Amino acid sequence: MNYENMFVPVEGDEEFYMENDKNLFNQNEAKLLNKHFHRTMKKVNTKIGKKRVIIEYYSSGPINTTITHAVSGAKQVGFQVGSIYEDLFFKVSLTTGSTPLTLFYYSPEEYERHQYIILTEELKSVWREKYLKASLLIKSRPE
């Protein structure tokens, strides 16, 4: 197979690449305009030593606002901060800045992957029990 010209843009592809760059710029600009979007740098251990990584995340607002997924920024419609639905998420408070931030993840494992940390099995077990109780309570409620 000839790899020599494999990555040379075909004539007319310039518009495609320019449009993708423009979309990427618009996405980044939209993130920066979101008051719940945050970016932090962290040193993490790797197999070859320490490495700096940038972690982007979304915080949720105060009580009675819609829960925001920490990784994607997606609003969890119908799930309010401070309600029983909060127990369906793995909730974390970040107190590194001047104002504490509340982050909601789908599971402790998602939090571990996103923040490059390891939680204890005991903590995960406590969360699972809380999650199951909330699930059963929500299912037993009359509509």
C-alpha atoms as a PDB file:
ATOM      1  CA  MET A   1       0.000   0.000   0.000  1.00  0.00           C
ATOM      2  CA  ASN A   2       1.275   3.486  -0.849  1.00  0.00           C
ATOM      3  CA  TYR A   3       1.288   5.644   2.292  1.00  0.00           C
ATOM      4  CA  GLU A   4       3.184   8.525   0.726  1.00  0.00           C
ATOM      5  CA  ASN A   5       0.149  10.666  -0.177  1.00  0.00           C
ATOM      6  CA  MET A   6      -2.286   9.271   2.368  1.00  0.00           C
ATOM      7  CA  PHE A   7      -2.567  12.452   4.460  1.00  0.00           C
ATOM      8  CA  VAL A   8      -2.321  15.052   1.729  1.00  0.00           C
ATOM      9  CA  PRO A   9      -5.640  16.947   1.491  1.00  0.00           C
ATOM     10  CA  VAL A  10      -7.554  16.451  -1.715  1.00  0.00           C
ATOM     11  CA  GLU A  11      -8.358  19.587  -3.679  1.00  0.00           C
ATOM     12  CA  GLY A  12     -11.555  21.094  -2.225  1.00  0.00           C
ATOM     13  CA  ASP A  13     -10.967  19.643   1.256  1.00  0.00           C
ATOM     14  CA  GLU A  14      -9.750  23.031   2.488  1.00  0.00           C
ATOM     15  CA  GLU A  15     -13.358  24.126   3.075  1.00  0.00           C
ATOM     16  CA  PHE A  16     -14.030  20.949   5.070  1.00  0.00           C
ATOM     17  CA  TYR A  17     -11.047  21.562   7.363  1.00  0.00           C
ATOM     18  CA  MET A  18     -11.829  25.270   7.731  1.00  0.00           C
ATOM     19  CA  GLU A  19     -15.468  24.484   8.633  1.00  0.00           C
ATOM     20  CA  ASN A  20     -14.380  21.912  11.259  1.00  0.00           C
ATOM     21  CA  ASP A  21     -11.913  24.394  12.770  1.00  0.00           C
ATOM     22  CA  LYS A  22     -14.675  27.015  12.886  1.00  0.00           C
ATOM     23  CA  ASN A  23     -17.083  24.576  14.611  1.00  0.00           C
ATOM     24  CA  LEU A  24     -14.411  23.630  17.143  1.00  0.00           C
ATOM     25  CA  PHE A  25     -13.755  27.312  17.853  1.00  0.00           C
ATOM     26  CA  ASN A  26     -17.497  27.941  18.340  1.00  0.00           C
ATOM     27  CA  GLN A  27     -17.776  24.980  20.742  1.00  0.00           C
ATOM     28  CA  ASN A  28     -14.841  26.219  22.822  1.00  0.00           C
ATOM     29  CA  GLU A  29     -16.223  29.750  22.826  1.00  0.00           C
ATOM     30  CA  ALA A  30     -19.628  28.462  23.999  1.00  0.00           C
ATOM     31  CA  LYS A  31     -17.937  26.550  26.830  1.00  0.00           C
ATOM     32  CA  LEU A  32     -16.112  29.650  28.019  1.00  0.00           C
ATOM     33  CA  LEU A  33     -19.351  31.667  28.041  1.00  0.00           C
ATOM     34  CA  ASN A  34     -21.045  29.064  30.289  1.00  0.00           C
ATOM     35  CA  LYS A  35     -20.688  30.223  33.914  1.00  0.00           C
ATOM     36  CA  HIS A  36     -20.807  26.589  35.072  1.00  0.00           C
ATOM     37  CA  PHE A  37     -17.880  25.525  32.861  1.00  0.00           C
ATOM     38  CA  HIS A  38     -14.528  25.188  34.604  1.00  0.00           C
ATOM     39  CA  ARG A  39     -11.048  24.127  33.578  1.00  0.00           C
ATOM     40  CA  THR A  40      -8.227  23.119  35.868  1.00  0.00           C
ATOM     41  CA  MET A  41      -4.755  21.673  35.505  1.00  0.00           C
ATOM     42  CA  LYS A  42      -3.657  18.720  37.592  1.00  0.00           C
ATOM     43  CA  LYS A  43      -0.486  16.647  37.893  1.00  0.00           C
ATOM     44  CA  VAL A  44      -1.210  12.938  37.606  1.00  0.00           C
ATOM     45  CA  ASN A  45       0.993   9.885  37.972  1.00  0.00           C
ATOM     46  CA  THR A  46       1.580   7.831  34.841  1.00  0.00           C
ATOM     47  CA  LYS A  47       3.721   4.794  34.101  1.00  0.00           C
ATOM     48  CA  ILE A  48       6.526   7.079  32.925  1.00  0.00           C
ATOM     49  CA  GLY A  49       6.237   9.730  35.642  1.00  0.00           C
ATOM     50  CA  LYS A  50       4.104  12.749  36.407  1.00  0.00           C
ATOM     51  CA  LYS A  51       2.134  14.451  33.661  1.00  0.00           C
ATOM     52  CA  ARG A  52       0.056  17.619  33.608  1.00  0.00           C
ATOM     53  CA  VAL A  53      -3.505  17.206  32.367  1.00  0.00           C
ATOM     54  CA  ILE A  54      -6.266  19.721  31.815  1.00  0.00           C
ATOM     55  CA  ILE A  55      -9.606  18.697  33.287  1.00  0.00           C
ATOM     56  CA  GLU A  56     -12.759  20.371  32.039  1.00  0.00           C
ATOM     57  CA  TYR A  57     -15.985  20.037  34.009  1.00  0.00           C
ATOM     58  CA  TYR A  58     -19.398  21.575  34.573  1.00  0.00           C
ATOM     59  CA  SER A  59     -20.796  22.449  37.982  1.00  0.00           C
ATOM     60  CA  SER A  60     -24.448  22.523  38.969  1.00  0.00           C
ATOM     61  CA  GLY A  61     -26.254  25.512  40.370  1.00  0.00           C
ATOM     62  CA  PRO A  62     -27.889  26.001  43.774  1.00  0.00           C
ATOM     63  CA  ILE A  63     -30.866  24.099  45.211  1.00  0.00           C
ATOM     64  CA  ASN A  64     -33.907  23.760  42.898  1.00  0.00           C
ATOM     65  CA  THR A  65     -31.870  24.204  39.710  1.00  0.00           C
ATOM     66  CA  THR A  66     -31.489  21.403  37.164  1.00  0.00           C
ATOM     67  CA  ILE A  67     -28.623  18.978  37.794  1.00  0.00           C
ATOM     68  CA  THR A  68     -25.831  19.338  35.229  1.00  0.00           C
ATOM     69  CA  HIS A  69     -23.691  16.349  34.255  1.00  0.00           C
ATOM     70  CA  ALA A  70     -20.107  17.184  35.252  1.00  0.00           C
ATOM     71  CA  VAL A  71     -18.422  15.675  32.183  1.00  0.00           C
ATOM     72  CA  SER A  72     -20.723  16.653  29.307  1.00  0.00           C
ATOM     73  CA  GLY A  73     -22.534  19.694  30.692  1.00  0.00           C
ATOM     74  CA  ALA A  74     -25.859  18.102  29.729  1.00  0.00           C
ATOM     75  CA  LYS A  75     -28.816  19.266  31.787  1.00  0.00           C
ATOM     76  CA  GLN A  76     -30.529  16.346  33.534  1.00  0.00           C
ATOM     77  CA  VAL A  77     -34.095  17.507  32.887  1.00  0.00           C
ATOM     78  CA  GLY A  78     -36.487  16.618  35.705  1.00  0.00           C
ATOM     79  CA  PHE A  79     -33.688  16.119  38.227  1.00  0.00           C
ATOM     80  CA  GLN A  80     -33.271  19.015  40.656  1.00  0.00           C
ATOM     81  CA  VAL A  81     -30.406  19.848  42.987  1.00  0.00           C
ATOM     82  CA  GLY A  82     -31.560  19.215  46.551  1.00  0.00           C
ATOM     83  CA  SER A  83     -34.249  16.672  45.608  1.00  0.00           C
ATOM     84  CA  ILE A  84     -34.361  12.904  46.154  1.00  0.00           C
ATOM     85  CA  TYR A  85     -33.188  12.591  42.510  1.00  0.00           C
ATOM     86  CA  GLU A  86     -29.811  13.921  43.566  1.00  0.00           C
ATOM     87  CA  ASP A  87     -29.103  10.499  45.120  1.00  0.00           C
ATOM     88  CA  LEU A  88     -29.205   8.928  41.651  1.00  0.00           C
ATOM     89  CA  PHE A  89     -25.903  10.677  40.913  1.00  0.00           C
ATOM     90  CA  PHE A  90     -22.469  10.549  42.483  1.00  0.00           C
ATOM     91  CA  LYS A  91     -22.186  14.018  44.019  1.00  0.00           C
ATOM     92  CA  VAL A  92     -18.848  15.722  44.662  1.00  0.00           C
ATOM     93  CA  SER A  93     -18.057  19.098  46.194  1.00  0.00           C
ATOM     94  CA  LEU A  94     -14.903  20.826  44.989  1.00  0.00           C
ATOM     95  CA  THR A  95     -13.611  23.356  47.460  1.00  0.00           C
ATOM     96  CA  THR A  96     -10.371  24.341  45.759  1.00  0.00           C
ATOM     97  CA  GLY A  97     -11.492  27.826  44.740  1.00  0.00           C
ATOM     98  CA  SER A  98     -13.144  30.699  46.568  1.00  0.00           C
ATOM     99  CA  THR A  99     -16.628  29.284  45.904  1.00  0.00           C
ATOM    100  CA  PRO A 100     -17.389  25.574  46.424  1.00  0.00           C
ATOM    101  CA  LEU A 101     -18.623  23.782  43.305  1.00  0.00           C
ATOM    102  CA  THR A 102     -21.003  20.816  43.160  1.00  0.00           C
ATOM    103  CA  LEU A 103     -20.397  18.184  40.482  1.00  0.00           C
ATOM    104  CA  PHE A 104     -22.729  15.339  39.552  1.00  0.00           C
ATOM    105  CA  TYR A 105     -21.482  12.137  37.901  1.00  0.00           C
ATOM    106  CA  TYR A 106     -23.407   9.032  36.832  1.00  0.00           C
ATOM    107  CA  SER A 107     -21.185   6.822  39.000  1.00  0.00           C
ATOM    108  CA  PRO A 108     -18.096   6.865  41.216  1.00  0.00           C
ATOM    109  CA  GLU A 109     -16.179   5.114  38.438  1.00  0.00           C
ATOM    110  CA  GLU A 110     -16.956   7.940  36.022  1.00  0.00           C
ATOM    111  CA  TYR A 111     -15.646  10.398  38.619  1.00  0.00           C
ATOM    112  CA  GLU A 112     -12.458   8.348  39.000  1.00  0.00           C
ATOM    113  CA  ARG A 113     -11.806   8.336  35.244  1.00  0.00           C
ATOM    114  CA  HIS A 114     -12.583  12.023  34.832  1.00  0.00           C
ATOM    115  CA  GLN A 115     -10.562  13.286  37.802  1.00  0.00           C
ATOM    116  CA  TYR A 116      -7.695  10.732  37.595  1.00  0.00           C
ATOM    117  CA  ILE A 117      -8.174   9.434  41.131  1.00  0.00           C
ATOM    118  CA  ILE A 118      -9.014   6.170  42.903  1.00  0.00           C
ATOM    119  CA  LEU A 119     -11.827   5.929  45.445  1.00  0.00           C
ATOM    120  CA  THR A 120     -12.123   3.317  48.157  1.00  0.00           C
ATOM    121  CA  GLU A 121     -14.413   0.346  47.612  1.00  0.00           C
ATOM    122  CA  GLU A 122     -16.171   1.287  50.846  1.00  0.00           C
ATOM    123  CA  LEU A 123     -17.119   4.713  49.469  1.00  0.00           C
ATOM    124  CA  LYS A 124     -18.406   3.149  46.241  1.00  0.00           C
ATOM    125  CA  SER A 125     -20.440   0.627  48.214  1.00  0.00           C
ATOM    126  CA  VAL A 126     -22.033   3.345  50.359  1.00  0.00           C
ATOM    127  CA  TRP A 127     -22.982   5.264  47.201  1.00  0.00           C
ATOM    128  CA  ARG A 128     -24.508   2.144  45.574  1.00  0.00           C
ATOM    129  CA  GLU A 129     -26.690   1.540  48.640  1.00  0.00           C
ATOM    130  CA  LYS A 130     -27.832   5.169  48.608  1.00  0.00           C
ATOM    131  CA  TYR A 131     -28.506   4.927  44.867  1.00  0.00           C
ATOM    132  CA  LEU A 132     -30.584   1.751  45.265  1.00  0.00           C
ATOM    133  CA  LYS A 133     -32.640   3.224  48.113  1.00  0.00           C
ATOM    134  CA  ALA A 134     -33.355   6.355  46.068  1.00  0.00           C
ATOM    135  CA  SER A 135     -34.268   4.254  43.012  1.00  0.00           C
ATOM    136  CA  LEU A 136     -36.736   2.160  45.017  1.00  0.00           C
ATOM    137  CA  LEU A 137     -38.233   5.215  46.685  1.00  0.00           C
ATOM    138  CA  ILE A 138     -38.700   6.998  43.371  1.00  0.00           C
ATOM    139  CA  LYS A 139     -40.274   3.907  41.717  1.00  0.00           C
ATOM    140  CA  SER A 140     -42.711   3.447  44.606  1.00  0.00           C
ATOM    141  CA  ARG A 141     -44.004   7.046  44.391  1.00  0.00           C
ATOM    142  CA  PRO A 142     -47.429   7.500  42.807  1.00  0.00           C
ATOM    143  CA  GLU A 143     -47.347   9.496  39.594  1.00  0.00           C
END
